[in-house]
Amino acid sequence: MNDVSDLYQEIIIDHNARPRNFRELETPDKFIEGYNPICGDKIILYLKFNGNMIADISFQGSGCAISRASASMMTEAVKGITKQGANGIFEAFHNMITRTPGDGIDVATLGDLEFLSGVTAFPARIKCAILSWHTLRAALHGNDEIVSTE
């Protein structure tokens, strides 16, 4: 592993092969579906709240390596934080994925999620990376409809 792109690839491969929080959550307070019609990625996101805190989060579904890795990393990033904190991470992630080259990345907020910044080199894959995030945001805002990247 000689550079950031090697590390990026390794992290994507690891989270795709061994996704964290990949299970159906028993008795969730909220579940919501997301769908990317362009490439067929599908996700069901399950959330358990303790007041304003995301006490537990999990997902199931099928999709490409980037979609699955992004969902896995997302669940790790938002588990145990407030809804407001999760919305802040969504904003930082969305800004990173849709940024103009040369724009800065909020590394302090994103942590390891920064490794998904390599997706910007593949514009067709951006919707794969952001599907789980838009699904989470819809869940946090009380949406019950299927989320679509279109």
C-alpha atoms as a PDB file:
ATOM      1  CA  MET A   1       0.000   0.000   0.000  1.00  0.00           C
ATOM      2  CA  ASN A   2       1.895   3.026  -1.270  1.00  0.00           C
ATOM      3  CA  ASP A   3      -0.673   5.800  -1.467  1.00  0.00           C
ATOM      4  CA  VAL A   4      -4.118   7.003  -0.496  1.00  0.00           C
ATOM      5  CA  SER A   5      -5.819   5.319  -3.456  1.00  0.00           C
ATOM      6  CA  ASP A   6      -4.541   1.917  -2.275  1.00  0.00           C
ATOM      7  CA  LEU A   7      -5.899   2.609   1.206  1.00  0.00           C
ATOM      8  CA  TYR A   8      -9.187   3.827  -0.294  1.00  0.00           C
ATOM      9  CA  GLN A   9      -9.533   0.596  -2.258  1.00  0.00           C
ATOM     10  CA  GLU A  10      -8.664  -1.534   0.767  1.00  0.00           C
ATOM     11  CA  ILE A  11     -11.253   0.177   2.977  1.00  0.00           C
ATOM     12  CA  ILE A  12     -13.972  -0.154   0.317  1.00  0.00           C
ATOM     13  CA  ILE A  13     -13.126  -3.839  -0.157  1.00  0.00           C
ATOM     14  CA  ASP A  14     -13.127  -4.486   3.597  1.00  0.00           C
ATOM     15  CA  HIS A  15     -16.465  -2.758   4.263  1.00  0.00           C
ATOM     16  CA  ASN A  16     -18.018  -4.470   1.248  1.00  0.00           C
ATOM     17  CA  ALA A  17     -16.778  -7.934   2.245  1.00  0.00           C
ATOM     18  CA  ARG A  18     -17.516  -7.479   5.971  1.00  0.00           C
ATOM     19  CA  PRO A  19     -20.134  -4.734   6.269  1.00  0.00           C
ATOM     20  CA  ARG A  20     -20.626  -3.443   9.786  1.00  0.00           C
ATOM     21  CA  ASN A  21     -24.169  -3.409  11.179  1.00  0.00           C
ATOM     22  CA  PHE A  22     -25.474  -5.508   8.275  1.00  0.00           C
ATOM     23  CA  ARG A  23     -28.540  -7.074   9.876  1.00  0.00           C
ATOM     24  CA  GLU A  24     -32.210  -6.492  10.471  1.00  0.00           C
ATOM     25  CA  LEU A  25     -32.653  -4.589  13.700  1.00  0.00           C
ATOM     26  CA  GLU A  26     -35.249  -6.170  15.966  1.00  0.00           C
ATOM     27  CA  THR A  27     -38.088  -3.801  16.898  1.00  0.00           C
ATOM     28  CA  PRO A  28     -36.736  -0.691  15.155  1.00  0.00           C
ATOM     29  CA  ASP A  29     -38.337   2.662  15.859  1.00  0.00           C
ATOM     30  CA  LYS A  30     -37.967   3.492  12.189  1.00  0.00           C
ATOM     31  CA  PHE A  31     -37.165   1.683   8.985  1.00  0.00           C
ATOM     32  CA  ILE A  32     -36.987   3.123   5.527  1.00  0.00           C
ATOM     33  CA  GLU A  33     -36.058   1.910   2.057  1.00  0.00           C
ATOM     34  CA  GLY A  34     -33.732   3.532  -0.437  1.00  0.00           C
ATOM     35  CA  TYR A  35     -33.254   2.726  -4.105  1.00  0.00           C
ATOM     36  CA  ASN A  36     -30.826   3.774  -6.828  1.00  0.00           C
ATOM     37  CA  PRO A  37     -32.607   2.960 -10.116  1.00  0.00           C
ATOM     38  CA  ILE A  38     -29.504   3.695 -12.210  1.00  0.00           C
ATOM     39  CA  CYS A  39     -27.511   0.720 -10.929  1.00  0.00           C
ATOM     40  CA  GLY A  40     -30.061  -1.168  -8.825  1.00  0.00           C
ATOM     41  CA  ASP A  41     -28.645  -0.519  -5.344  1.00  0.00           C
ATOM     42  CA  LYS A  42     -31.280  -1.151  -2.652  1.00  0.00           C
ATOM     43  CA  ILE A  43     -31.102  -0.529   1.059  1.00  0.00           C
ATOM     44  CA  ILE A  44     -33.347  -0.903   4.072  1.00  0.00           C
ATOM     45  CA  LEU A  45     -32.167   1.194   6.975  1.00  0.00           C
ATOM     46  CA  TYR A  46     -33.264   0.357  10.544  1.00  0.00           C
ATOM     47  CA  LEU A  47     -32.982   2.825  13.407  1.00  0.00           C
ATOM     48  CA  LYS A  48     -33.517   2.602  17.157  1.00  0.00           C
ATOM     49  CA  PHE A  49     -33.642   5.876  19.093  1.00  0.00           C
ATOM     50  CA  ASN A  50     -33.102   6.767  22.713  1.00  0.00           C
ATOM     51  CA  GLY A  51     -34.656  10.211  22.840  1.00  0.00           C
ATOM     52  CA  ASN A  52     -32.694  12.313  20.358  1.00  0.00           C
ATOM     53  CA  MET A  53     -29.847   9.770  20.189  1.00  0.00           C
ATOM     54  CA  ILE A  54     -29.356   7.114  17.511  1.00  0.00           C
ATOM     55  CA  ALA A  55     -28.993   4.190  19.899  1.00  0.00           C
ATOM     56  CA  ASP A  56     -28.609   1.595  17.142  1.00  0.00           C
ATOM     57  CA  ILE A  57     -28.624   1.520  13.371  1.00  0.00           C
ATOM     58  CA  SER A  58     -28.337  -1.282  10.853  1.00  0.00           C
ATOM     59  CA  PHE A  59     -28.992  -1.979   7.213  1.00  0.00           C
ATOM     60  CA  GLN A  60     -29.752  -4.714   4.735  1.00  0.00           C
ATOM     61  CA  GLY A  61     -29.895  -4.705   0.990  1.00  0.00           C
ATOM     62  CA  SER A  62     -27.937  -5.324  -2.134  1.00  0.00           C
ATOM     63  CA  GLY A  63     -25.755  -3.194  -4.282  1.00  0.00           C
ATOM     64  CA  CYS A  64     -22.313  -2.440  -5.535  1.00  0.00           C
ATOM     65  CA  ALA A  65     -19.208  -2.360  -3.352  1.00  0.00           C
ATOM     66  CA  ILE A  66     -19.302   1.427  -2.982  1.00  0.00           C
ATOM     67  CA  SER A  67     -22.958   1.467  -1.936  1.00  0.00           C
ATOM     68  CA  ARG A  68     -22.445  -1.273   0.625  1.00  0.00           C
ATOM     69  CA  ALA A  69     -19.190   0.156   1.965  1.00  0.00           C
ATOM     70  CA  SER A  70     -20.699   3.623   2.295  1.00  0.00           C
ATOM     71  CA  ALA A  71     -23.704   2.258   4.219  1.00  0.00           C
ATOM     72  CA  SER A  72     -21.409   0.257   6.487  1.00  0.00           C
ATOM     73  CA  MET A  73     -19.197   3.252   7.227  1.00  0.00           C
ATOM     74  CA  MET A  74     -22.230   5.483   7.719  1.00  0.00           C
ATOM     75  CA  THR A  75     -23.731   3.201  10.364  1.00  0.00           C
ATOM     76  CA  GLU A  76     -20.444   3.217  12.259  1.00  0.00           C
ATOM     77  CA  ALA A  77     -20.213   7.011  12.055  1.00  0.00           C
ATOM     78  CA  VAL A  78     -23.711   7.826  13.332  1.00  0.00           C
ATOM     79  CA  LYS A  79     -24.364   5.101  15.906  1.00  0.00           C
ATOM     80  CA  GLY A  80     -24.466   6.641  19.366  1.00  0.00           C
ATOM     81  CA  ILE A  81     -24.754  10.280  18.305  1.00  0.00           C
ATOM     82  CA  THR A  82     -27.646  12.715  18.214  1.00  0.00           C
ATOM     83  CA  LYS A  83     -29.918  13.222  15.240  1.00  0.00           C
ATOM     84  CA  GLN A  84     -28.468  16.723  14.908  1.00  0.00           C
ATOM     85  CA  GLY A  85     -24.934  15.298  14.903  1.00  0.00           C
ATOM     86  CA  ALA A  86     -25.930  12.775  12.214  1.00  0.00           C
ATOM     87  CA  ASN A  87     -27.359  15.608  10.102  1.00  0.00           C
ATOM     88  CA  GLY A  88     -24.044  17.457  10.478  1.00  0.00           C
ATOM     89  CA  ILE A  89     -22.124  14.406   9.258  1.00  0.00           C
ATOM     90  CA  PHE A  90     -24.586  14.080   6.351  1.00  0.00           C
ATOM     91  CA  GLU A  91     -23.865  17.677   5.327  1.00  0.00           C
ATOM     92  CA  ALA A  92     -20.094  17.190   5.531  1.00  0.00           C
ATOM     93  CA  PHE A  93     -20.320  13.914   3.580  1.00  0.00           C
ATOM     94  CA  HIS A  94     -22.610  15.397   0.925  1.00  0.00           C
ATOM     95  CA  ASN A  95     -20.294  18.399   0.524  1.00  0.00           C
ATOM     96  CA  MET A  96     -17.282  16.078   0.163  1.00  0.00           C
ATOM     97  CA  ILE A  97     -18.937  13.836  -2.445  1.00  0.00           C
ATOM     98  CA  THR A  98     -20.356  16.698  -4.530  1.00  0.00           C
ATOM     99  CA  ARG A  99     -17.503  19.174  -4.150  1.00  0.00           C
ATOM    100  CA  THR A 100     -15.579  20.881  -6.874  1.00  0.00           C
ATOM    101  CA  PRO A 101     -11.996  19.590  -7.099  1.00  0.00           C
ATOM    102  CA  GLY A 102      -9.803  21.684  -4.847  1.00  0.00           C
ATOM    103  CA  ASP A 103     -12.544  22.399  -2.324  1.00  0.00           C
ATOM    104  CA  GLY A 104     -11.681  21.445   1.219  1.00  0.00           C
ATOM    105  CA  ILE A 105     -12.968  18.441   3.150  1.00  0.00           C
ATOM    106  CA  ASP A 106     -14.207  18.679   6.751  1.00  0.00           C
ATOM    107  CA  VAL A 107     -11.845  15.978   8.047  1.00  0.00           C
ATOM    108  CA  ALA A 108     -12.669  16.760  11.675  1.00  0.00           C
ATOM    109  CA  THR A 109     -16.326  15.844  11.109  1.00  0.00           C
ATOM    110  CA  LEU A 110     -15.803  13.027   8.611  1.00  0.00           C
ATOM    111  CA  GLY A 111     -12.970  11.027  10.138  1.00  0.00           C
ATOM    112  CA  ASP A 112     -12.569   7.741   8.211  1.00  0.00           C
ATOM    113  CA  LEU A 113     -15.432   8.701   5.897  1.00  0.00           C
ATOM    114  CA  GLU A 114     -12.867  10.871   4.119  1.00  0.00           C
ATOM    115  CA  PHE A 115     -11.624   7.694   2.425  1.00  0.00           C
ATOM    116  CA  LEU A 116     -14.826   7.688   0.365  1.00  0.00           C
ATOM    117  CA  SER A 117     -13.736  10.975  -1.214  1.00  0.00           C
ATOM    118  CA  GLY A 118     -12.121   8.933  -3.990  1.00  0.00           C
ATOM    119  CA  VAL A 119     -15.618   8.303  -5.334  1.00  0.00           C
ATOM    120  CA  THR A 120     -15.584  11.810  -6.797  1.00  0.00           C
ATOM    121  CA  ALA A 121     -13.176  10.516  -9.442  1.00  0.00           C
ATOM    122  CA  PHE A 122     -16.037   8.329 -10.707  1.00  0.00           C
ATOM    123  CA  PRO A 123     -19.086  10.592 -11.175  1.00  0.00           C
ATOM    124  CA  ALA A 124     -21.358   7.660 -12.075  1.00  0.00           C
ATOM    125  CA  ARG A 125     -20.667   6.145  -8.627  1.00  0.00           C
ATOM    126  CA  ILE A 126     -21.569   9.205  -6.536  1.00  0.00           C
ATOM    127  CA  LYS A 127     -25.223   8.139  -6.294  1.00  0.00           C
ATOM    128  CA  CYS A 128     -24.053   4.724  -5.085  1.00  0.00           C
ATOM    129  CA  ALA A 129     -22.077   6.325  -2.268  1.00  0.00           C
ATOM    130  CA  ILE A 130     -24.802   8.719  -1.198  1.00  0.00           C
ATOM    131  CA  LEU A 131     -27.858   6.413  -1.315  1.00  0.00           C
ATOM    132  CA  SER A 132     -27.609   5.311   2.316  1.00  0.00           C
ATOM    133  CA  TRP A 133     -26.990   8.890   3.432  1.00  0.00           C
ATOM    134  CA  HIS A 134     -30.106  10.262   1.734  1.00  0.00           C
ATOM    135  CA  THR A 135     -32.051   7.353   3.215  1.00  0.00           C
ATOM    136  CA  LEU A 136     -30.749   8.215   6.689  1.00  0.00           C
ATOM    137  CA  ARG A 137     -31.593  11.878   6.251  1.00  0.00           C
ATOM    138  CA  ALA A 138     -35.139  11.030   5.169  1.00  0.00           C
ATOM    139  CA  ALA A 139     -35.550   8.786   8.227  1.00  0.00           C
ATOM    140  CA  LEU A 140     -34.300  11.514  10.563  1.00  0.00           C
ATOM    141  CA  HIS A 141     -36.804  13.955   9.042  1.00  0.00           C
ATOM    142  CA  GLY A 142     -39.738  11.578   9.472  1.00  0.00           C
ATOM    143  CA  ASN A 143     -40.103  10.567   5.834  1.00  0.00           C
ATOM    144  CA  ASP A 144     -41.752   7.179   5.258  1.00  0.00           C
ATOM    145  CA  GLU A 145     -41.568   7.067   1.461  1.00  0.00           C
ATOM    146  CA  ILE A 146     -38.993   5.073  -0.486  1.00  0.00           C
ATOM    147  CA  VAL A 147     -35.958   7.266  -1.075  1.00  0.00           C
ATOM    148  CA  SER A 148     -34.669   7.394  -4.636  1.00  0.00           C
ATOM    149  CA  THR A 149     -31.461   8.860  -5.969  1.00  0.00           C
ATOM    150  CA  GLU A 150     -33.392  10.084  -9.013  1.00  0.00           C
END
